[in-house]
Amino acid sequence: MRAVLTAGPTLEPIDPVRFLSNRSSGQQGYALAAALADEGFEVTLVSGPTVLPDLAGVTMVRVETALEMMAAVDAALPADVFIAVAAVADWRPSEVSAVKLKLDKSAMASLPLIENPDILKTISRREGHARPSLVVGFAAETHDVAAHARAKRIRKGCDWIVANDVSGDAMGGAQNAALLITPDGEEAFPRAAKAEIAAQLATRIADAVRA
């Protein structure tokens, strides 16, 4: 069984000093990659910038931007499972300055942005052998968590989605709580260490692939 995952944030440069990013630590994605390896998967983890060490027994691919992450995912496929845990920046600057922009320049007051590739939707919408048999997304929400995650699963076209309430310390902390949403129902994983959440999710994923 082969699994490809993304984890962590992406970093979208503005100039040689500044960038657009988010608070994702990558901990949940790394924990899930390790748990899938323990379940017997051959795992490739495409990671944005994190301070986490490489995982033993996992093929690590380090990237920075959303464009690099999309290319790395394509290079790692085909796989039985694709899991989009990474918090990919939705937007990037339309141009990257070769020199540091000064605060008195209008470029910093009005920064033109363009949309990044939607990695989860891109993989979900593929057909035939180009699409993994199971595509799982993650939804980081601060309110109406379940409702937003249900809508995201339909909008993106993925099979399952894992909802996270990130209004607290979930993005940088050691613990998490999750709601797994599938076409067959929903299962809540109470707040626990991210490794424990990952182990439970990995078991569900392995059972589905083996079935």
C-alpha atoms as a PDB file:
ATOM      1  CA  MET A   1       0.000   0.000   0.000  1.00  0.00           C
ATOM      2  CA  ARG A   2       1.307   3.442  -0.915  1.00  0.00           C
ATOM      3  CA  ALA A   3       0.333   6.729   0.732  1.00  0.00           C
ATOM      4  CA  VAL A   4       1.285  10.292  -0.193  1.00  0.00           C
ATOM      5  CA  LEU A   5       0.714  13.043   2.377  1.00  0.00           C
ATOM      6  CA  THR A   6       1.294  16.766   2.603  1.00  0.00           C
ATOM      7  CA  ALA A   7       2.052  18.513   5.906  1.00  0.00           C
ATOM      8  CA  GLY A   8       2.997  21.861   7.379  1.00  0.00           C
ATOM      9  CA  PRO A   9       2.529  25.335   5.912  1.00  0.00           C
ATOM     10  CA  THR A  10       3.684  26.744   2.616  1.00  0.00           C
ATOM     11  CA  LEU A  11       5.853  29.832   2.424  1.00  0.00           C
ATOM     12  CA  GLU A  12       5.080  32.296  -0.367  1.00  0.00           C
ATOM     13  CA  PRO A  13       7.879  34.871  -0.835  1.00  0.00           C
ATOM     14  CA  ILE A  14       7.167  38.576  -1.210  1.00  0.00           C
ATOM     15  CA  ASP A  15      10.804  39.649  -1.382  1.00  0.00           C
ATOM     16  CA  PRO A  16      14.099  38.183  -0.076  1.00  0.00           C
ATOM     17  CA  VAL A  17      13.029  38.960   3.522  1.00  0.00           C
ATOM     18  CA  ARG A  18       9.223  38.709   3.750  1.00  0.00           C
ATOM     19  CA  PHE A  19       6.718  35.993   2.958  1.00  0.00           C
ATOM     20  CA  LEU A  20       3.073  34.932   3.357  1.00  0.00           C
ATOM     21  CA  SER A  21       2.448  31.840   5.463  1.00  0.00           C
ATOM     22  CA  ASN A  22       0.346  30.475   8.347  1.00  0.00           C
ATOM     23  CA  ARG A  23       0.685  28.936  11.809  1.00  0.00           C
ATOM     24  CA  SER A  24       0.719  25.253  10.843  1.00  0.00           C
ATOM     25  CA  SER A  25       3.456  23.325  12.690  1.00  0.00           C
ATOM     26  CA  GLY A  26       3.189  20.149  10.609  1.00  0.00           C
ATOM     27  CA  GLN A  27       2.886  17.977  13.738  1.00  0.00           C
ATOM     28  CA  GLN A  28      -0.395  16.287  12.806  1.00  0.00           C
ATOM     29  CA  GLY A  29       0.720  15.487   9.273  1.00  0.00           C
ATOM     30  CA  TYR A  30       4.044  14.085  10.467  1.00  0.00           C
ATOM     31  CA  ALA A  31       2.294  11.993  13.121  1.00  0.00           C
ATOM     32  CA  LEU A  32      -0.114  10.612  10.517  1.00  0.00           C
ATOM     33  CA  ALA A  33       2.737   9.768   8.130  1.00  0.00           C
ATOM     34  CA  ALA A  34       4.514   7.855  10.911  1.00  0.00           C
ATOM     35  CA  ALA A  35       1.304   6.045  11.893  1.00  0.00           C
ATOM     36  CA  LEU A  36       0.655   4.962   8.303  1.00  0.00           C
ATOM     37  CA  ALA A  37       4.205   3.629   8.069  1.00  0.00           C
ATOM     38  CA  ASP A  38       3.487   1.613  11.222  1.00  0.00           C
ATOM     39  CA  GLU A  39       0.393   0.238   9.457  1.00  0.00           C
ATOM     40  CA  GLY A  40       2.591  -1.092   6.657  1.00  0.00           C
ATOM     41  CA  PHE A  41       2.223   1.690   4.098  1.00  0.00           C
ATOM     42  CA  GLU A  42       5.045   2.875   1.878  1.00  0.00           C
ATOM     43  CA  VAL A  43       4.786   6.576   2.749  1.00  0.00           C
ATOM     44  CA  THR A  44       5.931   9.741   0.988  1.00  0.00           C
ATOM     45  CA  LEU A  45       5.577  12.927   3.010  1.00  0.00           C
ATOM     46  CA  VAL A  46       5.702  16.231   1.128  1.00  0.00           C
ATOM     47  CA  SER A  47       6.452  18.790   3.801  1.00  0.00           C
ATOM     48  CA  GLY A  48       6.382  22.550   3.805  1.00  0.00           C
ATOM     49  CA  PRO A  49       8.836  24.444   6.038  1.00  0.00           C
ATOM     50  CA  THR A  50       8.815  23.019   9.592  1.00  0.00           C
ATOM     51  CA  VAL A  51      11.303  22.534  12.428  1.00  0.00           C
ATOM     52  CA  LEU A  52      10.413  18.833  12.654  1.00  0.00           C
ATOM     53  CA  PRO A  53      13.073  16.204  11.880  1.00  0.00           C
ATOM     54  CA  ASP A  54      12.788  13.743   9.013  1.00  0.00           C
ATOM     55  CA  LEU A  55      10.827  10.582   9.812  1.00  0.00           C
ATOM     56  CA  ALA A  56      12.570   7.214   9.766  1.00  0.00           C
ATOM     57  CA  GLY A  57      11.015   4.826   7.273  1.00  0.00           C
ATOM     58  CA  VAL A  58       9.277   7.631   5.363  1.00  0.00           C
ATOM     59  CA  THR A  59      10.361   9.201   2.065  1.00  0.00           C
ATOM     60  CA  MET A  60      10.695  12.902   2.848  1.00  0.00           C
ATOM     61  CA  VAL A  61      10.304  15.642   0.230  1.00  0.00           C
ATOM     62  CA  ARG A  62      10.946  19.176   1.503  1.00  0.00           C
ATOM     63  CA  VAL A  63       9.336  22.115  -0.321  1.00  0.00           C
ATOM     64  CA  GLU A  64       8.533  25.748   0.409  1.00  0.00           C
ATOM     65  CA  THR A  65       5.823  27.056  -1.904  1.00  0.00           C
ATOM     66  CA  ALA A  66       2.418  25.749  -2.962  1.00  0.00           C
ATOM     67  CA  LEU A  67       3.649  25.388  -6.537  1.00  0.00           C
ATOM     68  CA  GLU A  68       6.556  23.252  -5.343  1.00  0.00           C
ATOM     69  CA  MET A  69       4.192  21.175  -3.190  1.00  0.00           C
ATOM     70  CA  MET A  70       1.863  20.523  -6.128  1.00  0.00           C
ATOM     71  CA  ALA A  71       4.796  19.417  -8.298  1.00  0.00           C
ATOM     72  CA  ALA A  72       6.156  17.151  -5.549  1.00  0.00           C
ATOM     73  CA  VAL A  73       2.763  15.503  -5.036  1.00  0.00           C
ATOM     74  CA  ASP A  74       2.482  14.820  -8.766  1.00  0.00           C
ATOM     75  CA  ALA A  75       5.972  13.322  -8.770  1.00  0.00           C
ATOM     76  CA  ALA A  76       5.117  11.057  -5.806  1.00  0.00           C
ATOM     77  CA  LEU A  77       1.917   9.670  -7.319  1.00  0.00           C
ATOM     78  CA  PRO A  78       0.446   7.162  -8.118  1.00  0.00           C
ATOM     79  CA  ALA A  79      -0.604   5.940  -4.682  1.00  0.00           C
ATOM     80  CA  ASP A  80      -3.490   4.149  -3.025  1.00  0.00           C
ATOM     81  CA  VAL A  81      -4.112   7.069  -0.666  1.00  0.00           C
ATOM     82  CA  PHE A  82      -3.544  10.812  -0.864  1.00  0.00           C
ATOM     83  CA  ILE A  83      -3.971  12.830   2.338  1.00  0.00           C
ATOM     84  CA  ALA A  84      -3.833  16.629   2.216  1.00  0.00           C
ATOM     85  CA  VAL A  85      -2.942  17.660   5.752  1.00  0.00           C
ATOM     86  CA  ALA A  86      -0.862  20.718   4.800  1.00  0.00           C
ATOM     87  CA  ALA A  87      -2.215  24.216   5.345  1.00  0.00           C
ATOM     88  CA  VAL A  88      -1.455  25.463   1.863  1.00  0.00           C
ATOM     89  CA  ALA A  89      -1.498  29.237   1.376  1.00  0.00           C
ATOM     90  CA  ASP A  90      -4.495  30.081  -0.798  1.00  0.00           C
ATOM     91  CA  TRP A  91      -2.723  33.067  -2.357  1.00  0.00           C
ATOM     92  CA  ARG A  92       0.763  34.136  -3.371  1.00  0.00           C
ATOM     93  CA  PRO A  93       2.195  37.467  -4.558  1.00  0.00           C
ATOM     94  CA  SER A  94       1.824  37.869  -8.293  1.00  0.00           C
ATOM     95  CA  GLU A  95       5.441  39.037  -8.467  1.00  0.00           C
ATOM     96  CA  VAL A  96       8.380  38.389  -6.145  1.00  0.00           C
ATOM     97  CA  SER A  97      10.674  41.358  -5.689  1.00  0.00           C
ATOM     98  CA  ALA A  98      14.395  40.671  -6.140  1.00  0.00           C
ATOM     99  CA  VAL A  99      15.196  43.313  -3.516  1.00  0.00           C
ATOM    100  CA  LYS A 100      13.699  44.110  -0.133  1.00  0.00           C
ATOM    101  CA  LEU A 101      10.659  46.340  -0.518  1.00  0.00           C
ATOM    102  CA  LYS A 102      10.761  49.518   1.573  1.00  0.00           C
ATOM    103  CA  LEU A 103       7.832  50.521   3.735  1.00  0.00           C
ATOM    104  CA  ASP A 104       7.441  53.847   1.955  1.00  0.00           C
ATOM    105  CA  LYS A 105       6.857  52.086  -1.348  1.00  0.00           C
ATOM    106  CA  SER A 106       3.314  51.595  -2.626  1.00  0.00           C
ATOM    107  CA  ALA A 107       4.122  47.956  -3.350  1.00  0.00           C
ATOM    108  CA  MET A 108       3.828  47.189   0.367  1.00  0.00           C
ATOM    109  CA  ALA A 109       0.596  49.139   0.737  1.00  0.00           C
ATOM    110  CA  SER A 110      -1.128  47.223  -2.061  1.00  0.00           C
ATOM    111  CA  LEU A 111       0.275  43.741  -2.678  1.00  0.00           C
ATOM    112  CA  PRO A 112      -1.231  42.057  -5.788  1.00  0.00           C
ATOM    113  CA  LEU A 113      -2.029  38.391  -5.134  1.00  0.00           C
ATOM    114  CA  ILE A 114      -2.860  35.425  -7.368  1.00  0.00           C
ATOM    115  CA  GLU A 115      -4.477  32.136  -6.426  1.00  0.00           C
ATOM    116  CA  ASN A 116      -2.351  29.110  -5.655  1.00  0.00           C
ATOM    117  CA  PRO A 117      -3.170  25.663  -7.051  1.00  0.00           C
ATOM    118  CA  ASP A 118      -5.810  23.808  -5.044  1.00  0.00           C
ATOM    119  CA  ILE A 119      -3.892  20.584  -4.436  1.00  0.00           C
ATOM    120  CA  LEU A 120      -6.705  18.669  -2.733  1.00  0.00           C
ATOM    121  CA  LYS A 121      -9.275  19.567  -5.381  1.00  0.00           C
ATOM    122  CA  THR A 122      -6.848  18.857  -8.218  1.00  0.00           C
ATOM    123  CA  ILE A 123      -6.137  15.322  -7.005  1.00  0.00           C
ATOM    124  CA  SER A 124      -9.763  14.665  -6.015  1.00  0.00           C
ATOM    125  CA  ARG A 125     -11.089  15.571  -9.467  1.00  0.00           C
ATOM    126  CA  ARG A 126      -8.759  13.278 -11.401  1.00  0.00           C
ATOM    127  CA  GLU A 127     -10.221  10.173 -13.001  1.00  0.00           C
ATOM    128  CA  GLY A 128      -9.257   6.556 -13.427  1.00  0.00           C
ATOM    129  CA  HIS A 129      -5.827   5.376 -12.324  1.00  0.00           C
ATOM    130  CA  ALA A 130      -4.634   8.975 -11.996  1.00  0.00           C
ATOM    131  CA  ARG A 131      -6.773   9.308  -8.870  1.00  0.00           C
ATOM    132  CA  PRO A 132      -5.863   7.497  -5.633  1.00  0.00           C
ATOM    133  CA  SER A 133      -8.626   5.181  -4.472  1.00  0.00           C
ATOM    134  CA  LEU A 134      -8.941   7.180  -1.243  1.00  0.00           C
ATOM    135  CA  VAL A 135      -8.454  10.954  -1.069  1.00  0.00           C
ATOM    136  CA  VAL A 136      -8.611  12.551   2.373  1.00  0.00           C
ATOM    137  CA  GLY A 137      -8.652  16.270   3.117  1.00  0.00           C
ATOM    138  CA  PHE A 138      -8.264  18.257   6.324  1.00  0.00           C
ATOM    139  CA  ALA A 139     -10.389  21.262   7.269  1.00  0.00           C
ATOM    140  CA  ALA A 140      -8.943  23.730   9.792  1.00  0.00           C
ATOM    141  CA  GLU A 141     -11.859  25.810  11.047  1.00  0.00           C
ATOM    142  CA  THR A 142     -12.457  28.301  13.865  1.00  0.00           C
ATOM    143  CA  HIS A 143     -16.288  28.186  13.968  1.00  0.00           C
ATOM    144  CA  ASP A 144     -19.141  26.031  12.652  1.00  0.00           C
ATOM    145  CA  VAL A 145     -16.450  23.396  12.256  1.00  0.00           C
ATOM    146  CA  ALA A 146     -18.551  20.423  11.201  1.00  0.00           C
ATOM    147  CA  ALA A 147     -20.732  22.397   8.786  1.00  0.00           C
ATOM    148  CA  HIS A 148     -17.766  24.016   7.058  1.00  0.00           C
ATOM    149  CA  ALA A 149     -15.962  20.677   6.803  1.00  0.00           C
ATOM    150  CA  ARG A 150     -18.988  18.924   5.304  1.00  0.00           C
ATOM    151  CA  ALA A 151     -19.281  21.653   2.688  1.00  0.00           C
ATOM    152  CA  LYS A 152     -15.549  21.493   1.957  1.00  0.00           C
ATOM    153  CA  ARG A 153     -15.678  17.740   1.335  1.00  0.00           C
ATOM    154  CA  ILE A 154     -18.344  18.215  -1.320  1.00  0.00           C
ATOM    155  CA  ARG A 155     -16.672  21.286  -2.814  1.00  0.00           C
ATOM    156  CA  LYS A 156     -13.264  19.656  -3.118  1.00  0.00           C
ATOM    157  CA  GLY A 157     -14.545  16.265  -4.218  1.00  0.00           C
ATOM    158  CA  CYS A 158     -12.516  14.262  -1.686  1.00  0.00           C
ATOM    159  CA  ASP A 159     -13.775  11.005  -0.189  1.00  0.00           C
ATOM    160  CA  TRP A 160     -13.153  11.811   3.471  1.00  0.00           C
ATOM    161  CA  ILE A 161     -12.387  14.961   5.383  1.00  0.00           C
ATOM    162  CA  VAL A 162     -10.974  15.467   8.866  1.00  0.00           C
ATOM    163  CA  ALA A 163     -12.272  18.557  10.651  1.00  0.00           C
ATOM    164  CA  ASN A 164     -10.102  20.368  13.195  1.00  0.00           C
ATOM    165  CA  ASP A 165     -11.153  23.210  15.496  1.00  0.00           C
ATOM    166  CA  VAL A 166      -8.119  25.521  15.382  1.00  0.00           C
ATOM    167  CA  SER A 167      -9.620  28.346  17.427  1.00  0.00           C
ATOM    168  CA  GLY A 168      -7.349  27.288  20.309  1.00  0.00           C
ATOM    169  CA  ASP A 169      -3.808  25.919  20.136  1.00  0.00           C
ATOM    170  CA  ALA A 170      -4.411  23.015  17.738  1.00  0.00           C
ATOM    171  CA  MET A 171      -2.159  24.363  14.973  1.00  0.00           C
ATOM    172  CA  GLY A 172       0.909  24.649  17.179  1.00  0.00           C
ATOM    173  CA  GLY A 173       0.097  22.531  20.201  1.00  0.00           C
ATOM    174  CA  ALA A 174       0.790  18.894  20.971  1.00  0.00           C
ATOM    175  CA  GLN A 175      -2.880  17.876  21.160  1.00  0.00           C
ATOM    176  CA  ASN A 176      -5.802  17.867  18.773  1.00  0.00           C
ATOM    177  CA  ALA A 177      -9.415  16.793  18.450  1.00  0.00           C
ATOM    178  CA  ALA A 178     -10.871  15.701  15.144  1.00  0.00           C
ATOM    179  CA  LEU A 179     -14.107  14.817  13.387  1.00  0.00           C
ATOM    180  CA  LEU A 180     -13.812  12.299  10.555  1.00  0.00           C
ATOM    181  CA  ILE A 181     -16.516  12.888   7.934  1.00  0.00           C
ATOM    182  CA  THR A 182     -17.185  10.248   5.275  1.00  0.00           C
ATOM    183  CA  PRO A 183     -20.131   9.525   2.963  1.00  0.00           C
ATOM    184  CA  ASP A 184     -21.191   6.843   5.459  1.00  0.00           C
ATOM    185  CA  GLY A 185     -21.208   8.970   8.587  1.00  0.00           C
ATOM    186  CA  GLU A 186     -19.117  10.841  11.107  1.00  0.00           C
ATOM    187  CA  GLU A 187     -16.771   9.771  13.890  1.00  0.00           C
ATOM    188  CA  ALA A 188     -15.421  12.075  16.599  1.00  0.00           C
ATOM    189  CA  PHE A 189     -11.944  11.658  18.043  1.00  0.00           C
ATOM    190  CA  PRO A 190     -11.818  13.410  21.438  1.00  0.00           C
ATOM    191  CA  ARG A 191      -8.912  15.685  22.328  1.00  0.00           C
ATOM    192  CA  ALA A 192      -5.714  13.674  22.681  1.00  0.00           C
ATOM    193  CA  ALA A 193      -2.055  13.717  21.698  1.00  0.00           C
ATOM    194  CA  LYS A 194      -1.644  14.213  17.952  1.00  0.00           C
ATOM    195  CA  ALA A 195       0.115  10.844  17.729  1.00  0.00           C
ATOM    196  CA  GLU A 196      -2.989   9.170  19.196  1.00  0.00           C
ATOM    197  CA  ILE A 197      -5.305  10.975  16.763  1.00  0.00           C
ATOM    198  CA  ALA A 198      -2.974   9.926  13.948  1.00  0.00           C
ATOM    199  CA  ALA A 199      -2.983   6.278  15.044  1.00  0.00           C
ATOM    200  CA  GLN A 200      -6.789   6.167  15.042  1.00  0.00           C
ATOM    201  CA  LEU A 201      -7.002   7.801  11.619  1.00  0.00           C
ATOM    202  CA  ALA A 202      -4.308   5.513  10.204  1.00  0.00           C
ATOM    203  CA  THR A 203      -6.248   2.459  11.358  1.00  0.00           C
ATOM    204  CA  ARG A 204      -9.400   3.687   9.616  1.00  0.00           C
ATOM    205  CA  ILE A 205      -7.440   4.467   6.433  1.00  0.00           C
ATOM    206  CA  ALA A 206      -5.654   1.096   6.389  1.00  0.00           C
ATOM    207  CA  ASP A 207      -8.947  -0.761   6.920  1.00  0.00           C
ATOM    208  CA  ALA A 208     -10.537   1.128   4.018  1.00  0.00           C
ATOM    209  CA  VAL A 209      -7.650   0.422   1.633  1.00  0.00           C
ATOM    210  CA  ARG A 210      -7.462  -3.235   2.554  1.00  0.00           C
ATOM    211  CA  ALA A 211     -11.205  -3.564   2.032  1.00  0.00           C
END
